PDB file of N, CA and C in Angstrom:
ATOM      1  N   MET A   1       9.829  22.580 -17.756  1.00  0.00           N
ATOM      2  CA  MET A   1       9.801  22.803 -16.329  1.00  0.00           C
ATOM      3  C   MET A   1      10.819  21.869 -15.680  1.00  0.00           C
ATOM      4  N   SER A   2      11.595  22.405 -14.795  1.00  0.00           N
ATOM      5  CA  SER A   2      12.637  21.641 -14.133  1.00  0.00           C
ATOM      6  C   SER A   2      12.354  21.584 -12.629  1.00  0.00           C
ATOM      7  N   PHE A   3      12.646  20.433 -12.062  1.00  0.00           N
ATOM      8  CA  PHE A   3      12.427  20.231 -10.638  1.00  0.00           C
ATOM      9  C   PHE A   3      13.759  19.948  -9.962  1.00  0.00           C
ATOM     10  N   CYS A   4      13.935  20.471  -8.775  1.00  0.00           N
ATOM     11  CA  CYS A   4      15.144  20.195  -7.992  1.00  0.00           C
ATOM     12  C   CYS A   4      14.949  18.971  -7.104  1.00  0.00           C
ATOM     13  N   LYS A   5      13.696  18.772  -6.639  1.00  0.00           N
ATOM     14  CA  LYS A   5      13.382  17.639  -5.773  1.00  0.00           C
ATOM     15  C   LYS A   5      12.088  16.993  -6.276  1.00  0.00           C
ATOM     16  N   PHE A   6      11.991  15.679  -6.104  1.00  0.00           N
ATOM     17  CA  PHE A   6      10.779  15.001  -6.560  1.00  0.00           C
ATOM     18  C   PHE A   6       9.558  15.446  -5.769  1.00  0.00           C
ATOM     19  N   GLU A   7       9.770  15.981  -4.565  1.00  0.00           N
ATOM     20  CA  GLU A   7       8.656  16.457  -3.760  1.00  0.00           C
ATOM     21  C   GLU A   7       7.956  17.662  -4.393  1.00  0.00           C
ATOM     22  N   GLU A   8       8.588  18.304  -5.358  1.00  0.00           N
ATOM     23  CA  GLU A   8       7.994  19.449  -6.045  1.00  0.00           C
ATOM     24  C   GLU A   8       7.031  19.031  -7.152  1.00  0.00           C
ATOM     25  N   ILE A   9       7.065  17.773  -7.542  1.00  0.00           N
ATOM     26  CA  ILE A   9       6.214  17.279  -8.629  1.00  0.00           C
ATOM     27  C   ILE A   9       4.784  17.137  -8.106  1.00  0.00           C
ATOM     28  N   ILE A  10       3.853  17.756  -8.788  1.00  0.00           N
ATOM     29  CA  ILE A  10       2.456  17.768  -8.339  1.00  0.00           C
ATOM     30  C   ILE A  10       1.882  16.356  -8.282  1.00  0.00           C
ATOM     31  N   ALA A  11       2.241  15.512  -9.238  1.00  0.00           N
ATOM     32  CA  ALA A  11       1.743  14.130  -9.230  1.00  0.00           C
ATOM     33  C   ALA A  11       2.212  13.394  -7.978  1.00  0.00           C
ATOM     34  N   TRP A  12       3.438  13.646  -7.529  1.00  0.00           N
ATOM     35  CA  TRP A  12       3.944  13.006  -6.307  1.00  0.00           C
ATOM     36  C   TRP A  12       3.174  13.533  -5.096  1.00  0.00           C
ATOM     37  N   GLN A  13       2.916  14.837  -5.068  1.00  0.00           N
ATOM     38  CA  GLN A  13       2.178  15.428  -3.954  1.00  0.00           C
ATOM     39  C   GLN A  13       0.775  14.843  -3.864  1.00  0.00           C
ATOM     40  N   LYS A  14       0.117  14.698  -5.010  1.00  0.00           N
ATOM     41  CA  LYS A  14      -1.238  14.148  -5.023  1.00  0.00           C
ATOM     42  C   LYS A  14      -1.228  12.669  -4.645  1.00  0.00           C
ATOM     43  N   SER A  15      -0.204  11.931  -5.089  1.00  0.00           N
ATOM     44  CA  SER A  15      -0.131  10.518  -4.738  1.00  0.00           C
ATOM     45  C   SER A  15       0.118  10.351  -3.244  1.00  0.00           C
ATOM     46  N   ARG A  16       0.889  11.246  -2.641  1.00  0.00           N
ATOM     47  CA  ARG A  16       1.122  11.200  -1.199  1.00  0.00           C
ATOM     48  C   ARG A  16      -0.187  11.446  -0.447  1.00  0.00           C
ATOM     49  N   THR A  17      -0.972  12.400  -0.910  1.00  0.00           N
ATOM     50  CA  THR A  17      -2.278  12.661  -0.306  1.00  0.00           C
ATOM     51  C   THR A  17      -3.179  11.436  -0.433  1.00  0.00           C
ATOM     52  N   LEU A  18      -3.141  10.796  -1.599  1.00  0.00           N
ATOM     53  CA  LEU A  18      -3.940   9.592  -1.822  1.00  0.00           C
ATOM     54  C   LEU A  18      -3.518   8.473  -0.872  1.00  0.00           C
ATOM     55  N   VAL A  19      -2.227   8.308  -0.667  1.00  0.00           N
ATOM     56  CA  VAL A  19      -1.726   7.290   0.261  1.00  0.00           C
ATOM     57  C   VAL A  19      -2.274   7.536   1.664  1.00  0.00           C
ATOM     58  N   LEU A  20      -2.173   8.767   2.129  1.00  0.00           N
ATOM     59  CA  LEU A  20      -2.656   9.088   3.472  1.00  0.00           C
ATOM     60  C   LEU A  20      -4.161   8.848   3.603  1.00  0.00           C
ATOM     61  N   GLU A  21      -4.911   9.226   2.575  1.00  0.00           N
ATOM     62  CA  GLU A  21      -6.361   9.023   2.601  1.00  0.00           C
ATOM     63  C   GLU A  21      -6.712   7.534   2.581  1.00  0.00           C
ATOM     64  N   CYS A  22      -6.007   6.764   1.774  1.00  0.00           N
ATOM     65  CA  CYS A  22      -6.290   5.320   1.697  1.00  0.00           C
ATOM     66  C   CYS A  22      -5.972   4.626   3.013  1.00  0.00           C
ATOM     67  N   TYR A  23      -4.856   4.997   3.645  1.00  0.00           N
ATOM     68  CA  TYR A  23      -4.538   4.403   4.943  1.00  0.00           C
ATOM     69  C   TYR A  23      -5.635   4.720   5.961  1.00  0.00           C
ATOM     70  N   GLU A  24      -6.175   5.907   5.894  1.00  0.00           N
ATOM     71  CA  GLU A  24      -7.237   6.290   6.823  1.00  0.00           C
ATOM     72  C   GLU A  24      -8.534   5.539   6.510  1.00  0.00           C
ATOM     73  N   ILE A  25      -8.909   5.489   5.244  1.00  0.00           N
ATOM     74  CA  ILE A  25     -10.175   4.868   4.836  1.00  0.00           C
ATOM     75  C   ILE A  25     -10.171   3.361   5.071  1.00  0.00           C
ATOM     76  N   PHE A  26      -9.067   2.695   4.731  1.00  0.00           N
ATOM     77  CA  PHE A  26      -9.027   1.232   4.780  1.00  0.00           C
ATOM     78  C   PHE A  26      -8.452   0.689   6.089  1.00  0.00           C
ATOM     79  N   ARG A  27      -8.277   1.547   7.068  1.00  0.00           N
ATOM     80  CA  ARG A  27      -7.725   1.122   8.356  1.00  0.00           C
ATOM     81  C   ARG A  27      -8.579   0.037   9.010  1.00  0.00           C
ATOM     82  N   SER A  28      -9.883   0.129   8.868  1.00  0.00           N
ATOM     83  CA  SER A  28     -10.769  -0.805   9.563  1.00  0.00           C
ATOM     84  C   SER A  28     -11.218  -1.991   8.702  1.00  0.00           C
ATOM     85  N   VAL A  29     -10.714  -2.107   7.488  1.00  0.00           N
ATOM     86  CA  VAL A  29     -11.100  -3.222   6.613  1.00  0.00           C
ATOM     87  C   VAL A  29     -10.521  -4.521   7.174  1.00  0.00           C
ATOM     88  N   LYS A  30     -11.349  -5.512   7.316  1.00  0.00           N
ATOM     89  CA  LYS A  30     -10.936  -6.783   7.913  1.00  0.00           C
ATOM     90  C   LYS A  30     -10.328  -7.749   6.893  1.00  0.00           C
ATOM     91  N   ASP A  31     -10.562  -7.514   5.612  1.00  0.00           N
ATOM     92  CA  ASP A  31      -9.951  -8.348   4.576  1.00  0.00           C
ATOM     93  C   ASP A  31      -8.504  -7.882   4.400  1.00  0.00           C
ATOM     94  N   TYR A  32      -7.605  -8.478   5.189  1.00  0.00           N
ATOM     95  CA  TYR A  32      -6.243  -7.989   5.281  1.00  0.00           C
ATOM     96  C   TYR A  32      -5.467  -8.115   3.975  1.00  0.00           C
ATOM     97  N   SER A  33      -5.699  -9.171   3.227  1.00  0.00           N
ATOM     98  CA  SER A  33      -4.970  -9.325   1.970  1.00  0.00           C
ATOM     99  C   SER A  33      -5.404  -8.270   0.944  1.00  0.00           C
ATOM    100  N   PHE A  34      -6.693  -7.972   0.900  1.00  0.00           N
ATOM    101  CA  PHE A  34      -7.179  -6.917   0.011  1.00  0.00           C
ATOM    102  C   PHE A  34      -6.596  -5.568   0.406  1.00  0.00           C
ATOM    103  N   ARG A  35      -6.675  -5.272   1.699  1.00  0.00           N
ATOM    104  CA  ARG A  35      -6.156  -3.991   2.197  1.00  0.00           C
ATOM    105  C   ARG A  35      -4.661  -3.868   1.917  1.00  0.00           C
ATOM    106  N   ASN A  36      -3.908  -4.921   2.153  1.00  0.00           N
ATOM    107  CA  ASN A  36      -2.476  -4.901   1.931  1.00  0.00           C
ATOM    108  C   ASN A  36      -2.142  -4.668   0.456  1.00  0.00           C
ATOM    109  N   GLN A  37      -2.842  -5.367  -0.430  1.00  0.00           N
ATOM    110  CA  GLN A  37      -2.599  -5.214  -1.859  1.00  0.00           C
ATOM    111  C   GLN A  37      -2.930  -3.800  -2.329  1.00  0.00           C
ATOM    112  N   LEU A  38      -4.030  -3.272  -1.880  1.00  0.00           N
ATOM    113  CA  LEU A  38      -4.434  -1.933  -2.278  1.00  0.00           C
ATOM    114  C   LEU A  38      -3.442  -0.879  -1.777  1.00  0.00           C
ATOM    115  N   LEU A  39      -3.035  -0.992  -0.533  1.00  0.00           N
ATOM    116  CA  LEU A  39      -2.110  -0.010   0.028  1.00  0.00           C
ATOM    117  C   LEU A  39      -0.728  -0.099  -0.626  1.00  0.00           C
ATOM    118  N   ARG A  40      -0.276  -1.312  -0.936  1.00  0.00           N
ATOM    119  CA  ARG A  40       1.010  -1.448  -1.626  1.00  0.00           C
ATOM    120  C   ARG A  40       0.946  -0.828  -3.023  1.00  0.00           C
ATOM    121  N   ALA A  41      -0.181  -0.972  -3.702  1.00  0.00           N
ATOM    122  CA  ALA A  41      -0.334  -0.389  -5.038  1.00  0.00           C
ATOM    123  C   ALA A  41      -0.319   1.134  -4.979  1.00  0.00           C
ATOM    124  N   VAL A  42      -0.991   1.696  -3.996  1.00  0.00           N
ATOM    125  CA  VAL A  42      -1.047   3.151  -3.861  1.00  0.00           C
ATOM    126  C   VAL A  42       0.342   3.713  -3.537  1.00  0.00           C
ATOM    127  N   VAL A  43       1.056   3.060  -2.641  1.00  0.00           N
ATOM    128  CA  VAL A  43       2.403   3.501  -2.282  1.00  0.00           C
ATOM    129  C   VAL A  43       3.344   3.358  -3.477  1.00  0.00           C
ATOM    130  N   SER A  44       3.118   2.356  -4.298  1.00  0.00           N
ATOM    131  CA  SER A  44       3.958   2.123  -5.469  1.00  0.00           C
ATOM    132  C   SER A  44       3.940   3.312  -6.432  1.00  0.00           C
ATOM    133  N   VAL A  45       2.812   3.971  -6.577  1.00  0.00           N
ATOM    134  CA  VAL A  45       2.709   5.148  -7.451  1.00  0.00           C
ATOM    135  C   VAL A  45       3.672   6.225  -6.972  1.00  0.00           C
ATOM    136  N   MET A  46       3.616   6.510  -5.697  1.00  0.00           N
ATOM    137  CA  MET A  46       4.476   7.536  -5.118  1.00  0.00           C
ATOM    138  C   MET A  46       5.950   7.140  -5.248  1.00  0.00           C
ATOM    139  N   ASN A  47       6.259   5.878  -4.984  1.00  0.00           N
ATOM    140  CA  ASN A  47       7.642   5.406  -5.068  1.00  0.00           C
ATOM    141  C   ASN A  47       8.185   5.437  -6.486  1.00  0.00           C
ATOM    142  N   ASN A  48       7.356   5.091  -7.465  1.00  0.00           N
ATOM    143  CA  ASN A  48       7.819   5.102  -8.851  1.00  0.00           C
ATOM    144  C   ASN A  48       8.157   6.514  -9.327  1.00  0.00           C
ATOM    145  N   ILE A  49       7.396   7.485  -8.912  1.00  0.00           N
ATOM    146  CA  ILE A  49       7.698   8.873  -9.274  1.00  0.00           C
ATOM    147  C   ILE A  49       9.035   9.280  -8.671  1.00  0.00           C
ATOM    148  N   ALA A  50       9.236   8.958  -7.410  1.00  0.00           N
ATOM    149  CA  ALA A  50      10.491   9.323  -6.735  1.00  0.00           C
ATOM    150  C   ALA A  50      11.678   8.577  -7.349  1.00  0.00           C
ATOM    151  N   GLU A  51      11.524   7.293  -7.597  1.00  0.00           N
ATOM    152  CA  GLU A  51      12.630   6.514  -8.165  1.00  0.00           C
ATOM    153  C   GLU A  51      12.970   6.961  -9.572  1.00  0.00           C
ATOM    154  N   GLY A  52      11.958   7.231 -10.372  1.00  0.00           N
ATOM    155  CA  GLY A  52      12.204   7.711 -11.734  1.00  0.00           C
ATOM    156  C   GLY A  52      12.908   9.053 -11.740  1.00  0.00           C
ATOM    157  N   PHE A  53      12.549   9.915 -10.820  1.00  0.00           N
ATOM    158  CA  PHE A  53      13.194  11.224 -10.725  1.00  0.00           C
ATOM    159  C   PHE A  53      14.672  11.076 -10.416  1.00  0.00           C
ATOM    160  N   GLU A  54      15.023  10.138  -9.570  1.00  0.00           N
ATOM    161  CA  GLU A  54      16.416   9.940  -9.172  1.00  0.00           C
ATOM    162  C   GLU A  54      17.275   9.394 -10.309  1.00  0.00           C
ATOM    163  N   ARG A  55      16.687   8.853 -11.352  1.00  0.00           N
ATOM    164  CA  ARG A  55      17.444   8.301 -12.469  1.00  0.00           C
ATOM    165  C   ARG A  55      18.098   9.382 -13.316  1.00  0.00           C
ATOM    166  N   LYS A  56      17.632  10.592 -13.244  1.00  0.00           N
ATOM    167  CA  LYS A  56      18.194  11.780 -13.894  1.00  0.00           C
ATOM    168  C   LYS A  56      18.043  11.816 -15.413  1.00  0.00           C
ATOM    169  N   GLY A  57      17.659  10.749 -16.026  1.00  0.00           N
ATOM    170  CA  GLY A  57      17.443  10.772 -17.464  1.00  0.00           C
ATOM    171  C   GLY A  57      15.962  10.919 -17.773  1.00  0.00           C
ATOM    172  N   GLU A  58      15.623  11.754 -18.746  1.00  0.00           N
ATOM    173  CA  GLU A  58      14.208  11.989 -19.056  1.00  0.00           C
ATOM    174  C   GLU A  58      13.536  10.721 -19.559  1.00  0.00           C
ATOM    175  N   LYS A  59      14.245   9.940 -20.379  1.00  0.00           N
ATOM    176  CA  LYS A  59      13.663   8.704 -20.905  1.00  0.00           C
ATOM    177  C   LYS A  59      13.391   7.707 -19.777  1.00  0.00           C
ATOM    178  N   GLN A  60      14.325   7.572 -18.858  1.00  0.00           N
ATOM    179  CA  GLN A  60      14.143   6.665 -17.724  1.00  0.00           C
ATOM    180  C   GLN A  60      13.038   7.173 -16.799  1.00  0.00           C
ATOM    181  N   PHE A  61      12.980   8.470 -16.615  1.00  0.00           N
ATOM    182  CA  PHE A  61      11.932   9.052 -15.769  1.00  0.00           C
ATOM    183  C   PHE A  61      10.563   8.751 -16.356  1.00  0.00           C
ATOM    184  N   ARG A  62      10.410   8.921 -17.657  1.00  0.00           N
ATOM    185  CA  ARG A  62       9.129   8.608 -18.308  1.00  0.00           C
ATOM    186  C   ARG A  62       8.768   7.142 -18.136  1.00  0.00           C
ATOM    187  N   HIS A  63       9.778   6.276 -18.204  1.00  0.00           N
ATOM    188  CA  HIS A  63       9.536   4.839 -18.035  1.00  0.00           C
ATOM    189  C   HIS A  63       8.936   4.559 -16.650  1.00  0.00           C
ATOM    190  N   PHE A  64       9.483   5.184 -15.616  1.00  0.00           N
ATOM    191  CA  PHE A  64       8.973   4.970 -14.267  1.00  0.00           C
ATOM    192  C   PHE A  64       7.586   5.575 -14.104  1.00  0.00           C
ATOM    193  N   LEU A  65       7.303   6.662 -14.801  1.00  0.00           N
ATOM    194  CA  LEU A  65       5.955   7.229 -14.743  1.00  0.00           C
ATOM    195  C   LEU A  65       4.954   6.301 -15.432  1.00  0.00           C
ATOM    196  N   TYR A  66       5.408   5.634 -16.491  1.00  0.00           N
ATOM    197  CA  TYR A  66       4.541   4.715 -17.210  1.00  0.00           C
ATOM    198  C   TYR A  66       4.205   3.502 -16.350  1.00  0.00           C
ATOM    199  N   ILE A  67       5.198   3.061 -15.564  1.00  0.00           N
ATOM    200  CA  ILE A  67       4.994   1.907 -14.689  1.00  0.00           C
ATOM    201  C   ILE A  67       3.862   2.198 -13.737  1.00  0.00           C
TER     202      ILE A  67
END
């Protein structure tokens, strides 16, 4: 299966949904360091998929998915 844009990857779409849900759920959490760490981790999943896709090599893409 070949993708033209990383936005077509189902894992990226699901991670984007997860990011939006986490921002909504944890909006009122008062433990700011916990909330910040959790939100950065969730966004990192989405970013790694996009960055790995841009590398154009299958081996490099797999590496970013593993991260």
